[in-house]
Amino acid sequence: MSTRALRRLRGKQRGQEALDLGDLTLGDSPEKQVDEEEEEEQQLDVANVSPPANKKDSSRKSKKNKAQKSLGNIYELICDVDNEAEDPHLDEEAAKTDRNTTSGLEKDDNIDVDKPDQKLQEASAKSSGNQVKKKKKKKKTKASPEEGLRTVPDDNIDLLLENLEQPNGLSLQSENCGGSDRRSVLHVEHRNLNPETELKKYFGARAVLGDQRPRHRNRQFQSSNWMTAPKDSWPRHSRPGLSMTLLQSQDGIQYFTFEHSRDYQQLQFKFLDAVESMDPNNIVALLQLNPYHIDSLLQLSDVFRIQENQEMARDLIERALYSLECAFHPLFSLTSGTSRLDYLRPENRAFYLALYKHMIFLEKRGCPRTALEYCKLILSLDPDSDPLCMLLIIDFLMLRTREYQALLQLYQDWEEHRNLSQLPNFAFSTALSHFHLSKQEDMDPEESDKQRQKADLMLQNALIMFPGVLMPLLDLCSVQPDAAVTSHSFFGPKSQIGQSLALAELTALYVGRTYNVWREAGVMLWLEQSVREVLRRVDAKDPLVEDYQNKRKQRYQSAPRNIHRHVLLCEIKEAISSLPLEVTNQPVMSFDPLPPLDSVISYAQPERQPVGASNESTLSLFFRSLLPNFNLQVTNDYFDNVHIYGIHKHMQDDY
């Protein structure tokens, strides 16, 4: 019987057999030296094993067996790295017992090699009985420090990815982007971009995948995508004329941009004409002919979201991300942190918006860890400009995922060049992070007291700097404040009326987004104690109160354009009501909200010749006014296929 058949009977795979010192002899074993199965079977009949000479040679045998074992077993170094930290005296005692046992076992275990078939049969019969003994016979060989640094456990996927993405232990970030500290906090992992990874931790793989496993096995030539996977219900993907080009590489940073082909440019012109026509049927017809047009998918996704069809809206965003990912440049990386996309170019904005909308859907779906990964990804595309102002939401996602230490590290690294303490969300979220760290059971009592003192001081300073946060926060948390608080002028209505529109916008944005994380009973008790201490400091004429009041008057005169863009995308009613008139009076398109004033235009839409009224008769004008009614039946047929009704009116309102 061949060794391959014996391994199949035992249920073992090649390279996973337990090593035995009794099976290793002075002669060269063909089973250890020959990799091919045919050569093993041919050399088993002619193998000769020399018997042990005497007791004096037992130590030499053990040394030689030890060397053969370290060379023959590829998994030996992996086990030895973990065993180096054990007690050396225990290793010496184990080595002595192994030498005493191997000298006797080698005599008993030597089998006549002239009968290889009989030897294999007896070995298979004793495999189950000697399994416990073989574990005791294993010797431990210590690897050198250099080998220990090079060896990585096969099951540690995160460490393997870090070694691939960070060769020679050097950081991939440039000095202008924060260096290695920033990468350690904003590092993006491929496996965390898939929401199924987070859902499996909550519900298990069987509950998440369900009946999808055999469907994926039968699927052939499926491309591997990190962000989204193609679905069977999607139309067949063909290159729509979207590509990515490397513009330049400077100081380890690669600058990319999406490009539109001539056909895609004509398609984009048709889309803009459909938007200007105020007729949503034109967009629907365009998407029917071109199912992977990015801007049409983004626009139609908002329509389904207004109709509260979250599943269809999310599906359209995933389809847009899939089409964008298929157009990636080979050097474009989602996790290295060195790939940049300029938001000033209109071709790149669709990728930003698709990532942001996908992140919001993931957070509402109950996947805050995956949403945090996409937030880091968006921030890494342009960390200096931050066109979607992801710093206003990253603290909330870190609180949701209980990444308190990472939030504090981000605040410490970016405070010097970004002034994060001037944002209400970081002023309150960092204090809340210190409070949660002080409540951890595995923390030292002395360190816990330090964290609590930092939390108290930071929360008091945040309340003094932003007094307009308290009352709206308590209102959304359904908490009735004390009479001493409501009657005090510092937290009363005067604090709401006296703040500027820019500060009111930031305050309403933070309160409307993060009030749920303040609803815990312990957090509310801590907030109450801090409010009382703040009132005591205000009544005592603390100089810090007047200093922060002057800073509020000098700063927050007007918010930058990226903050307005973020407020429009988040759709928090309290924050939108605080937008200035110059933002609310202009038309806002969901496929490109508040485009930058200094946009880099690569191609422009050709001007259309205006059609005068004198060239048309009254009857033709009458029929033109009825034209949307004639196309309404086609639109209704399309929406019947996607199981949504009454969307025509909402699409007109959206445009």
Foldseek 3Di string as FASTA:
>chain_A
DFPVVLCVVVVHDPLPDQDALLVDAPDDQPVQVDDDRVVNVVCLQVDDGDADDDLVCLVVSVVVSVVSVVVRRPCQLVVQLVVPPDDVVVLVVLVVVLSVVSVVSNVVLDDPSNDSVVNVVVCSVCVVVCVVVSVSNDHHDHDDPVVSVPDDDPVPVVVVVCCVLQPPNAALDFVVQQGPLVCVLLFFDLQLLDLVVVVCVVPNPCVSCPPVVVVVVPDPPFDDDRNAGDDPPAPDDDQPQKAKDFDDADRSATEMEIDGDPNLVVLVLQVVVCVVVLACVSLVVSCVVVVQNLLSLLLVLVLVVVVVNNVSSLVSLSSNQVNVRVRYDPPDDQGSLRYAYDLLALRCLSVLLSLQVNLVSCVVVPRLSSSLSSLSSSCSRPVVCSLQPSVLCNLLSCVVVLVLVSLVSVCVSCCVPPVPCVFLLSLQSNLVSLQVVLPDPPDDPVSSVVSPVVSLVSLLLSCLLQVAQPPLLCVVLVHDDDPVQQPDPSNHVCSVVVAELQSQLSSLSNSLPRSVVCNDPVNVVSNNVSVVVSVVCVVVPPVSSVVSVVVRVVPRNDDDPSSVSNCVSVPRVSNPVSDDPVQVVDDAASSQGPNDPNRDYPDDNDDDDDDDPVVDDPVVVVVVVCVSVVCVVVVQVVCVVVVDPPSRVVSSVND
